[in-house]
């Protein structure tokens, strides 16, 4: 995925207002009192964010706006799997301040005491978040909220329209012997189990794991690539090594915007829905900056601009006000229609012990 060029900040005062409100509004904060009197609150400080590379939080203009407003330096630690993310979070505050787990992995992070409860009163833009997304039970433990909705979307079926001019509308294409050696499949245990369960017509959150495992082993004969990053998938697709596979909706939107010969569909059996969250890692000494960064990331200003970026198009924004602001073509490309949520098997409600069993199954499949 191409990196966006660094651009002039269009509205630093607006960003500064967001930062100030996030750090000083609502409940008492850890913001240094000298921040508003003598300079930016983050002067000389570093905020460490862990995320997938080229996934929103590291866009040049977005980082520059935050750094200009706060005086802080933003550093990214990248991961290539949710398991790797959890490992980074286990290093605790200092190593990582803000982390972006998928909701399917958030409960495990909570169970391991890796994240802290969040106070929505410290996020000025929280009242613009989708009520449906914010109501997801797996963002919470008891009465405490641990993850703020950021981006959502699907992992559905993508294919090269030149290789499949008549189209595809079923997951069966991945298992079709005619497509041997042409399939790209996301290297993620939860996605693997849920996608296969949908194909088998089973409950994606409680499938027959023996049947799922057998089907995933069968899929290996067709799989050219187990991909873990957007760059992995794009290399395979652009070289023609892969012609069909599962793919994130946000990445599909970027390729559609670039005019690539790609189609992206929710198969007749359904698709996996996902929700990426923003969390603060336990032990962070930069909670004020972390709240400010999260507030900037969930703002309509950031999410609308990212959605309109053809080169680095976003998934569907969690800020509910953004969809109505987008041109219909852009809204379609990022699939931001909130009504689509009801058509997806949303990740979540995956207990840590279940996720552990799925991870073991997936490792056995790949090693077989």
Protein backbone atom coordinates (compact mmCIF):
# COMPACT_ATOMS: atom_id res chain seq x y z
CA UNK A 1 0.00 0.00 0.00
CA UNK A 2 1.43 3.37 -0.92
CA UNK A 3 2.36 5.80 1.79
CA UNK A 4 0.61 9.18 1.59
CA UNK A 5 2.94 12.12 1.02
CA UNK A 6 3.46 14.50 3.94
CA UNK A 7 1.11 17.43 3.43
CA UNK A 8 0.57 20.81 5.02
CA UNK A 9 -1.72 20.59 8.05
CA UNK A 10 -5.02 22.16 7.12
CA UNK A 11 -6.51 22.76 10.53
CA UNK A 12 -3.98 22.61 13.38
CA UNK A 13 -6.12 24.82 15.59
CA UNK A 14 -9.03 22.40 15.22
CA UNK A 15 -6.76 19.51 16.12
CA UNK A 16 -5.39 21.44 19.09
CA UNK A 17 -8.93 22.03 20.31
CA UNK A 18 -9.60 18.30 20.15
CA UNK A 19 -6.40 17.54 22.02
CA UNK A 20 -7.04 20.13 24.70
CA UNK A 21 -10.57 18.89 25.33
CA UNK A 22 -9.43 15.28 25.45
CA UNK A 23 -6.74 16.04 27.98
CA UNK A 24 -8.52 18.55 30.14
CA UNK A 25 -12.25 17.89 29.93
CA UNK A 26 -14.45 15.59 31.94
CA UNK A 27 -12.87 13.61 34.74
CA UNK A 28 -9.59 14.61 36.34
CA UNK A 29 -6.61 13.84 34.11
CA UNK A 30 -2.88 13.35 34.43
CA UNK A 31 -2.20 16.28 32.12
CA UNK A 32 0.72 18.34 33.44
CA UNK A 33 -0.66 21.62 34.76
CA UNK A 34 2.14 23.53 33.10
CA UNK A 35 1.02 22.24 29.72
CA UNK A 36 -1.54 24.94 29.06
CA UNK A 37 0.52 27.69 30.65
CA UNK A 38 3.99 27.18 29.21
CA UNK A 39 3.62 25.04 26.12
CA UNK A 40 2.15 21.95 24.47
CA UNK A 41 1.27 19.13 26.84
CA UNK A 42 3.50 16.60 25.10
CA UNK A 43 6.65 18.68 24.71
CA UNK A 44 9.66 16.37 24.88
CA UNK A 45 7.52 13.25 25.35
CA UNK A 46 7.05 10.19 23.16
CA UNK A 47 3.78 8.32 22.59
CA UNK A 48 4.17 4.73 21.40
CA UNK A 49 1.35 3.32 19.28
CA UNK A 50 1.19 -0.29 18.11
CA UNK A 51 -0.79 -1.10 14.99
CA UNK A 52 -0.65 -2.78 11.58
CA UNK A 53 1.71 -0.83 9.30
CA UNK A 54 0.00 1.67 6.97
CA UNK A 55 -3.26 1.41 8.89
CA UNK A 56 -4.45 4.91 9.63
CA UNK A 57 -2.66 5.86 12.81
CA UNK A 58 0.64 6.31 10.97
CA UNK A 59 -0.60 8.44 8.06
CA UNK A 60 1.88 11.28 7.72
CA UNK A 61 -0.62 14.15 7.88
CA UNK A 62 -2.44 12.64 10.86
CA UNK A 63 0.74 12.11 12.86
CA UNK A 64 2.02 15.58 11.92
CA UNK A 65 -1.22 17.20 13.08
CA UNK A 66 -1.07 15.48 16.44
CA UNK A 67 2.60 16.25 16.94
CA UNK A 68 2.08 19.90 16.01
CA UNK A 69 -0.82 20.23 18.43
CA UNK A 70 0.82 18.47 21.38
CA UNK A 71 4.56 18.84 20.91
CA UNK A 72 4.86 15.08 21.41
CA UNK A 73 6.60 12.58 19.15
CA UNK A 74 4.57 9.60 17.93
CA UNK A 75 6.44 6.33 17.42
CA UNK A 76 4.87 3.21 15.95
CA UNK A 77 5.57 -0.40 16.85
CA UNK A 78 4.17 -2.60 14.07
CA UNK A 79 2.82 -6.13 14.35
CA UNK A 80 1.83 -8.77 11.80
CA UNK A 81 -0.72 -10.72 13.82
CA UNK A 82 -3.02 -10.23 16.77
CA UNK A 83 -0.89 -12.69 18.74
CA UNK A 84 2.14 -10.50 18.10
CA UNK A 85 0.10 -7.50 19.24
CA UNK A 86 -0.72 -9.22 22.53
CA UNK A 87 2.97 -9.96 23.01
CA UNK A 88 3.79 -6.27 22.56
CA UNK A 89 1.05 -5.31 25.01
CA UNK A 90 2.45 -7.74 27.58
CA UNK A 91 5.59 -5.59 27.67
CA UNK A 92 3.37 -2.97 29.28
CA UNK A 93 3.39 0.78 29.49
CA UNK A 94 6.61 2.40 28.35
CA UNK A 95 6.98 -0.11 25.55
CA UNK A 96 3.47 0.69 24.26
CA UNK A 97 0.93 3.36 25.21
CA UNK A 98 -1.92 2.95 22.68
CA UNK A 99 -2.80 -0.42 21.15
CA UNK A 100 -5.38 -1.41 18.51
CA UNK A 101 -6.71 -4.92 19.16
CA UNK A 102 -9.54 -6.42 17.19
CA UNK A 103 -12.59 -6.86 19.41
CA UNK A 104 -12.15 -10.64 19.14
CA UNK A 105 -8.89 -10.32 21.08
CA UNK A 106 -9.89 -7.57 23.49
CA UNK A 107 -11.34 -9.93 26.09
CA UNK A 108 -8.05 -11.81 26.20
CA UNK A 109 -6.22 -8.53 26.77
CA UNK A 110 -8.68 -7.69 29.57
CA UNK A 111 -8.31 -11.14 31.14
CA UNK A 112 -4.52 -10.72 31.16
CA UNK A 113 -4.84 -7.23 32.70
CA UNK A 114 -3.07 -5.62 29.74
CA UNK A 115 -5.41 -2.63 29.30
CA UNK A 116 -7.02 -0.04 31.57
CA UNK A 117 -10.69 0.98 31.86
CA UNK A 118 -11.50 4.03 29.76
CA UNK A 119 -13.37 7.18 30.74
CA UNK A 120 -15.51 8.41 27.82
CA UNK A 121 -15.80 11.79 29.54
CA UNK A 122 -12.17 12.36 28.54
CA UNK A 123 -13.03 11.92 24.84
CA UNK A 124 -14.87 14.90 23.37
CA UNK A 125 -15.75 12.94 20.22
CA UNK A 126 -17.13 9.89 21.99
CA UNK A 127 -20.72 11.10 21.58
CA UNK A 128 -20.31 10.82 17.80
CA UNK A 129 -19.44 7.12 17.88
CA UNK A 130 -21.94 4.62 16.49
CA UNK A 131 -24.28 3.62 19.29
CA UNK A 132 -24.50 0.08 17.86
CA UNK A 133 -20.74 -0.31 17.92
CA UNK A 134 -20.33 1.26 21.34
CA UNK A 135 -22.99 -1.12 22.68
CA UNK A 136 -20.95 -4.22 21.78
CA UNK A 137 -20.66 -6.17 25.02
CA UNK A 138 -17.15 -7.40 24.29
CA UNK A 139 -15.78 -3.89 24.66
CA UNK A 140 -16.50 -4.22 28.37
CA UNK A 141 -15.87 -6.25 31.46
CA UNK A 142 -18.54 -5.63 34.03
CA UNK A 143 -19.37 -1.94 33.94
CA UNK A 144 -15.96 -0.90 32.65
CA UNK A 145 -15.22 0.00 29.03
CA UNK A 146 -11.78 -1.07 27.77
CA UNK A 147 -11.92 -0.49 24.01
CA UNK A 148 -13.19 2.46 21.96
CA UNK A 149 -14.66 1.58 18.52
CA UNK A 150 -12.40 2.93 15.77
CA UNK A 151 -12.92 1.19 12.41
CA UNK A 152 -15.12 -1.67 11.33
CA UNK A 153 -15.60 -3.71 8.20
CA UNK A 154 -15.67 -7.20 6.78
CA UNK A 155 -13.25 -9.87 5.68
CA UNK A 156 -15.04 -11.12 2.62
CA UNK A 157 -14.31 -12.50 -0.85
CA UNK A 158 -12.03 -10.67 -3.28
CA UNK A 159 -11.12 -11.81 -6.77
CA UNK A 160 -9.43 -10.69 -9.97
CA UNK A 161 -12.18 -9.73 -12.41
CA UNK A 162 -9.97 -10.59 -15.36
CA UNK A 163 -9.48 -14.12 -14.07
CA UNK A 164 -13.18 -14.50 -13.14
CA UNK A 165 -15.11 -12.39 -15.68
CA UNK A 166 -18.41 -14.06 -14.75
CA UNK A 167 -17.98 -13.27 -11.07
CA UNK A 168 -17.94 -15.29 -7.85
CA UNK A 169 -20.46 -15.21 -5.01
CA UNK A 170 -19.54 -18.18 -2.80
CA UNK A 171 -16.70 -19.21 -0.53
CA UNK A 172 -16.71 -22.46 -2.51
CA UNK A 173 -14.34 -20.74 -4.96
CA UNK A 174 -11.52 -21.06 -2.43
CA UNK A 175 -11.91 -24.83 -2.32
CA UNK A 176 -12.55 -25.30 -6.06
CA UNK A 177 -9.77 -27.52 -7.54
CA UNK A 178 -9.80 -25.26 -10.60
CA UNK A 179 -8.24 -22.55 -8.42
CA UNK A 180 -5.36 -24.64 -7.09
CA UNK A 181 -2.35 -22.50 -6.26
CA UNK A 182 -4.27 -19.23 -6.73
CA UNK A 183 -5.77 -18.61 -3.28
CA UNK A 184 -4.67 -16.03 -0.69
CA UNK A 185 -5.98 -16.65 2.82
CA UNK A 186 -5.68 -14.39 5.86
CA UNK A 187 -3.29 -15.85 8.44
CA UNK A 188 -5.53 -15.33 11.47
CA UNK A 189 -7.09 -18.12 13.54
CA UNK A 190 -10.39 -16.38 14.33
CA UNK A 191 -10.96 -15.39 10.71
CA UNK A 192 -9.97 -18.83 9.47
CA UNK A 193 -12.35 -20.67 11.79
CA UNK A 194 -15.28 -18.28 11.31
CA UNK A 195 -14.95 -18.12 7.51
CA UNK A 196 -14.79 -21.89 7.20
CA UNK A 197 -17.75 -22.30 9.55
CA UNK A 198 -19.81 -19.92 7.38
CA UNK A 199 -18.89 -21.93 4.29
CA UNK A 200 -19.97 -25.13 6.07
CA UNK A 201 -23.25 -23.53 7.15
CA UNK A 202 -22.35 -23.69 10.84
CA UNK A 203 -22.47 -21.21 13.70
CA UNK A 204 -19.31 -19.12 13.12
CA UNK A 205 -18.83 -18.61 16.86
CA UNK A 206 -19.47 -22.23 17.86
CA UNK A 207 -18.65 -24.56 14.96
CA UNK A 208 -17.68 -28.23 14.80
CA UNK A 209 -13.92 -27.74 15.08
CA UNK A 210 -13.10 -31.18 13.66
CA UNK A 211 -15.05 -30.34 10.50
CA UNK A 212 -13.48 -26.90 10.31
CA UNK A 213 -9.98 -28.30 10.71
CA UNK A 214 -10.52 -30.91 8.00
CA UNK A 215 -11.79 -28.26 5.61
CA UNK A 216 -8.88 -25.93 6.32
CA UNK A 217 -6.40 -28.73 5.71
CA UNK A 218 -8.18 -29.41 2.42
CA UNK A 219 -7.80 -25.72 1.53
CA UNK A 220 -4.02 -25.93 1.78
CA UNK A 221 -3.87 -27.60 -1.63
CA UNK A 222 -5.26 -24.43 -3.22
CA UNK A 223 -3.45 -21.87 -1.06
CA UNK A 224 -0.61 -19.95 -2.64
CA UNK A 225 -0.26 -17.43 0.18
CA UNK A 226 -1.12 -17.11 3.85
CA UNK A 227 -1.03 -13.35 4.16
CA UNK A 228 -0.63 -11.33 7.33
CA UNK A 229 -0.36 -7.78 5.99
CA UNK A 230 -1.88 -5.74 3.21
CA UNK A 231 1.49 -5.59 1.48
CA UNK A 232 1.66 -9.40 1.40
CA UNK A 233 -1.72 -9.63 -0.28
CA UNK A 234 -1.01 -6.83 -2.75
CA UNK A 235 2.26 -8.36 -3.90
CA UNK A 236 0.53 -11.65 -4.63
CA UNK A 237 -2.38 -9.98 -6.39
CA UNK A 238 -0.30 -7.53 -8.46
CA UNK A 239 2.03 -10.24 -9.73
CA UNK A 240 -0.85 -12.57 -10.64
CA UNK A 241 0.32 -15.21 -8.17
CA UNK A 242 -3.11 -15.10 -6.52
CA UNK A 243 -6.47 -14.43 -8.12
CA UNK A 244 -8.94 -15.08 -5.30
CA UNK A 245 -9.05 -15.05 -1.53
CA UNK A 246 -10.41 -13.38 1.55
CA UNK A 247 -9.55 -9.73 2.10
CA UNK A 248 -10.25 -6.80 4.40
CA UNK A 249 -12.89 -4.40 3.11
CA UNK A 250 -10.64 -1.38 3.68
CA UNK A 251 -7.83 -2.76 1.55
CA UNK A 252 -10.30 -3.79 -1.13
CA UNK A 253 -11.60 -0.22 -1.18
CA UNK A 254 -8.12 1.14 -1.70
CA UNK A 255 -7.56 -1.15 -4.69
CA UNK A 256 -10.97 -0.30 -6.14
CA UNK A 257 -10.08 3.37 -5.84
CA UNK A 258 -6.82 2.73 -7.68
CA UNK A 259 -8.73 1.14 -10.58
CA UNK A 260 -7.34 -2.37 -10.10
CA UNK A 261 -9.26 -5.31 -11.65
CA UNK A 262 -10.70 -6.42 -8.34
CA UNK A 263 -14.19 -7.21 -7.09
CA UNK A 264 -15.17 -7.50 -3.45
CA UNK A 265 -18.35 -9.26 -2.37
CA UNK A 266 -20.01 -10.68 0.71
CA UNK A 267 -20.60 -14.31 -0.36
CA UNK A 268 -24.01 -15.92 -0.21
CA UNK A 269 -22.90 -17.79 2.93
CA UNK A 270 -22.02 -14.53 4.71
CA UNK A 271 -18.76 -12.94 5.81
CA UNK A 272 -16.82 -12.16 8.95
CA UNK A 273 -17.36 -8.71 10.41
CA UNK A 274 -14.74 -7.08 12.56
CA UNK A 275 -14.29 -4.10 14.81
CA UNK A 276 -10.90 -2.62 15.60
CA UNK A 277 -10.62 -0.81 18.89
CA UNK A 278 -8.39 1.76 20.55
CA UNK A 279 -7.07 0.92 24.00
CA UNK A 280 -4.61 2.28 26.55
CA UNK A 281 -2.01 -0.21 27.73
CA UNK A 282 -1.73 -0.70 31.47
CA UNK A 283 1.29 1.04 32.93
CA UNK A 284 1.41 3.81 30.35
CA UNK A 285 2.93 6.98 31.76
CA UNK A 286 1.31 8.97 28.96
CA UNK A 287 -2.40 8.47 29.63
CA UNK A 288 -3.19 12.13 28.89
CA UNK A 289 -1.49 11.90 25.49
CA UNK A 290 -3.08 8.51 24.86
CA UNK A 291 -6.57 9.96 25.45
CA UNK A 292 -5.71 12.90 23.19
CA UNK A 293 -4.50 10.57 20.43
CA UNK A 294 -7.59 8.36 20.68
CA UNK A 295 -9.84 11.44 20.53
CA UNK A 296 -8.09 12.61 17.36
CA UNK A 297 -8.41 9.14 15.81
CA UNK A 298 -12.18 8.94 16.42
CA UNK A 299 -12.87 12.51 15.29
CA UNK A 300 -14.99 13.17 12.21
CA UNK A 301 -12.19 15.38 10.87
CA UNK A 302 -9.68 12.54 10.83
CA UNK A 303 -12.03 9.75 9.80
CA UNK A 304 -13.64 11.70 6.95
CA UNK A 305 -10.30 12.77 5.51
CA UNK A 306 -8.94 9.23 5.70
CA UNK A 307 -12.01 7.83 3.94
CA UNK A 308 -11.50 10.33 1.11
CA UNK A 309 -7.84 9.38 0.67
CA UNK A 310 -7.89 7.24 -2.48
CA UNK A 311 -4.37 5.89 -1.97
CA UNK A 312 -4.93 4.86 1.65
CA UNK A 313 -8.69 4.47 1.90
CA UNK A 314 -10.09 3.62 5.31
CA UNK A 315 -12.46 0.83 6.34
CA UNK A 316 -15.87 1.94 7.64
CA UNK A 317 -15.55 4.75 10.21
CA UNK A 318 -16.92 4.17 13.72
CA UNK A 319 -17.75 7.89 13.93
CA UNK A 320 -21.44 7.78 13.00
CA UNK A 321 -21.47 11.32 11.59
CA UNK A 322 -18.99 10.57 8.82
CA UNK A 323 -21.12 8.35 6.57
CA UNK A 324 -23.56 11.17 5.75
CA UNK A 325 -20.67 13.51 4.90
CA UNK A 326 -19.12 11.22 2.30
CA UNK A 327 -19.76 11.32 -1.42
CA UNK A 328 -21.85 8.22 -2.30
CA UNK A 329 -18.98 6.78 -4.35
CA UNK A 330 -16.62 7.09 -1.41
CA UNK A 331 -19.20 5.73 1.04
CA UNK A 332 -19.65 2.72 -1.23
CA UNK A 333 -15.93 2.19 -1.59
CA UNK A 334 -15.33 2.15 2.16
CA UNK A 335 -18.64 0.32 2.76
CA UNK A 336 -19.59 2.67 5.54
CA UNK A 337 -23.34 2.02 5.53
CA UNK A 338 -24.25 1.19 9.17
CA UNK A 339 -27.04 -1.08 7.92
CA UNK A 340 -24.38 -3.50 6.67
CA UNK A 341 -23.50 -4.40 10.24
CA UNK A 342 -26.57 -6.60 10.50
CA UNK A 343 -25.44 -8.74 7.54
CA UNK A 344 -22.10 -9.76 9.05
CA UNK A 345 -21.01 -12.36 11.57
CA UNK A 346 -19.28 -9.89 13.88
CA UNK A 347 -16.22 -11.07 15.72
CA UNK A 348 -16.70 -10.91 19.44
CA UNK A 349 -17.94 -13.13 22.24
CA UNK A 350 -14.85 -15.28 21.78
CA UNK A 351 -13.73 -16.32 25.27
CA UNK A 352 -9.96 -16.51 25.79
CA UNK A 353 -10.10 -20.30 26.12
CA UNK A 354 -11.98 -20.57 22.81
CA UNK A 355 -9.55 -18.26 21.08
CA UNK A 356 -6.69 -20.35 22.45
CA UNK A 357 -8.27 -23.51 21.02
CA UNK A 358 -8.76 -21.82 17.64
CA UNK A 359 -5.16 -20.64 17.63
CA UNK A 360 -3.90 -24.15 18.36
CA UNK A 361 -6.12 -25.54 15.59
CA UNK A 362 -4.81 -22.99 13.09
CA UNK A 363 -1.20 -23.75 13.98
CA UNK A 364 -1.85 -27.45 13.49
CA UNK A 365 -3.45 -26.79 10.10
CA UNK A 366 -0.49 -24.81 8.85
CA UNK A 367 1.98 -27.37 10.19
CA UNK A 368 0.15 -30.37 8.68
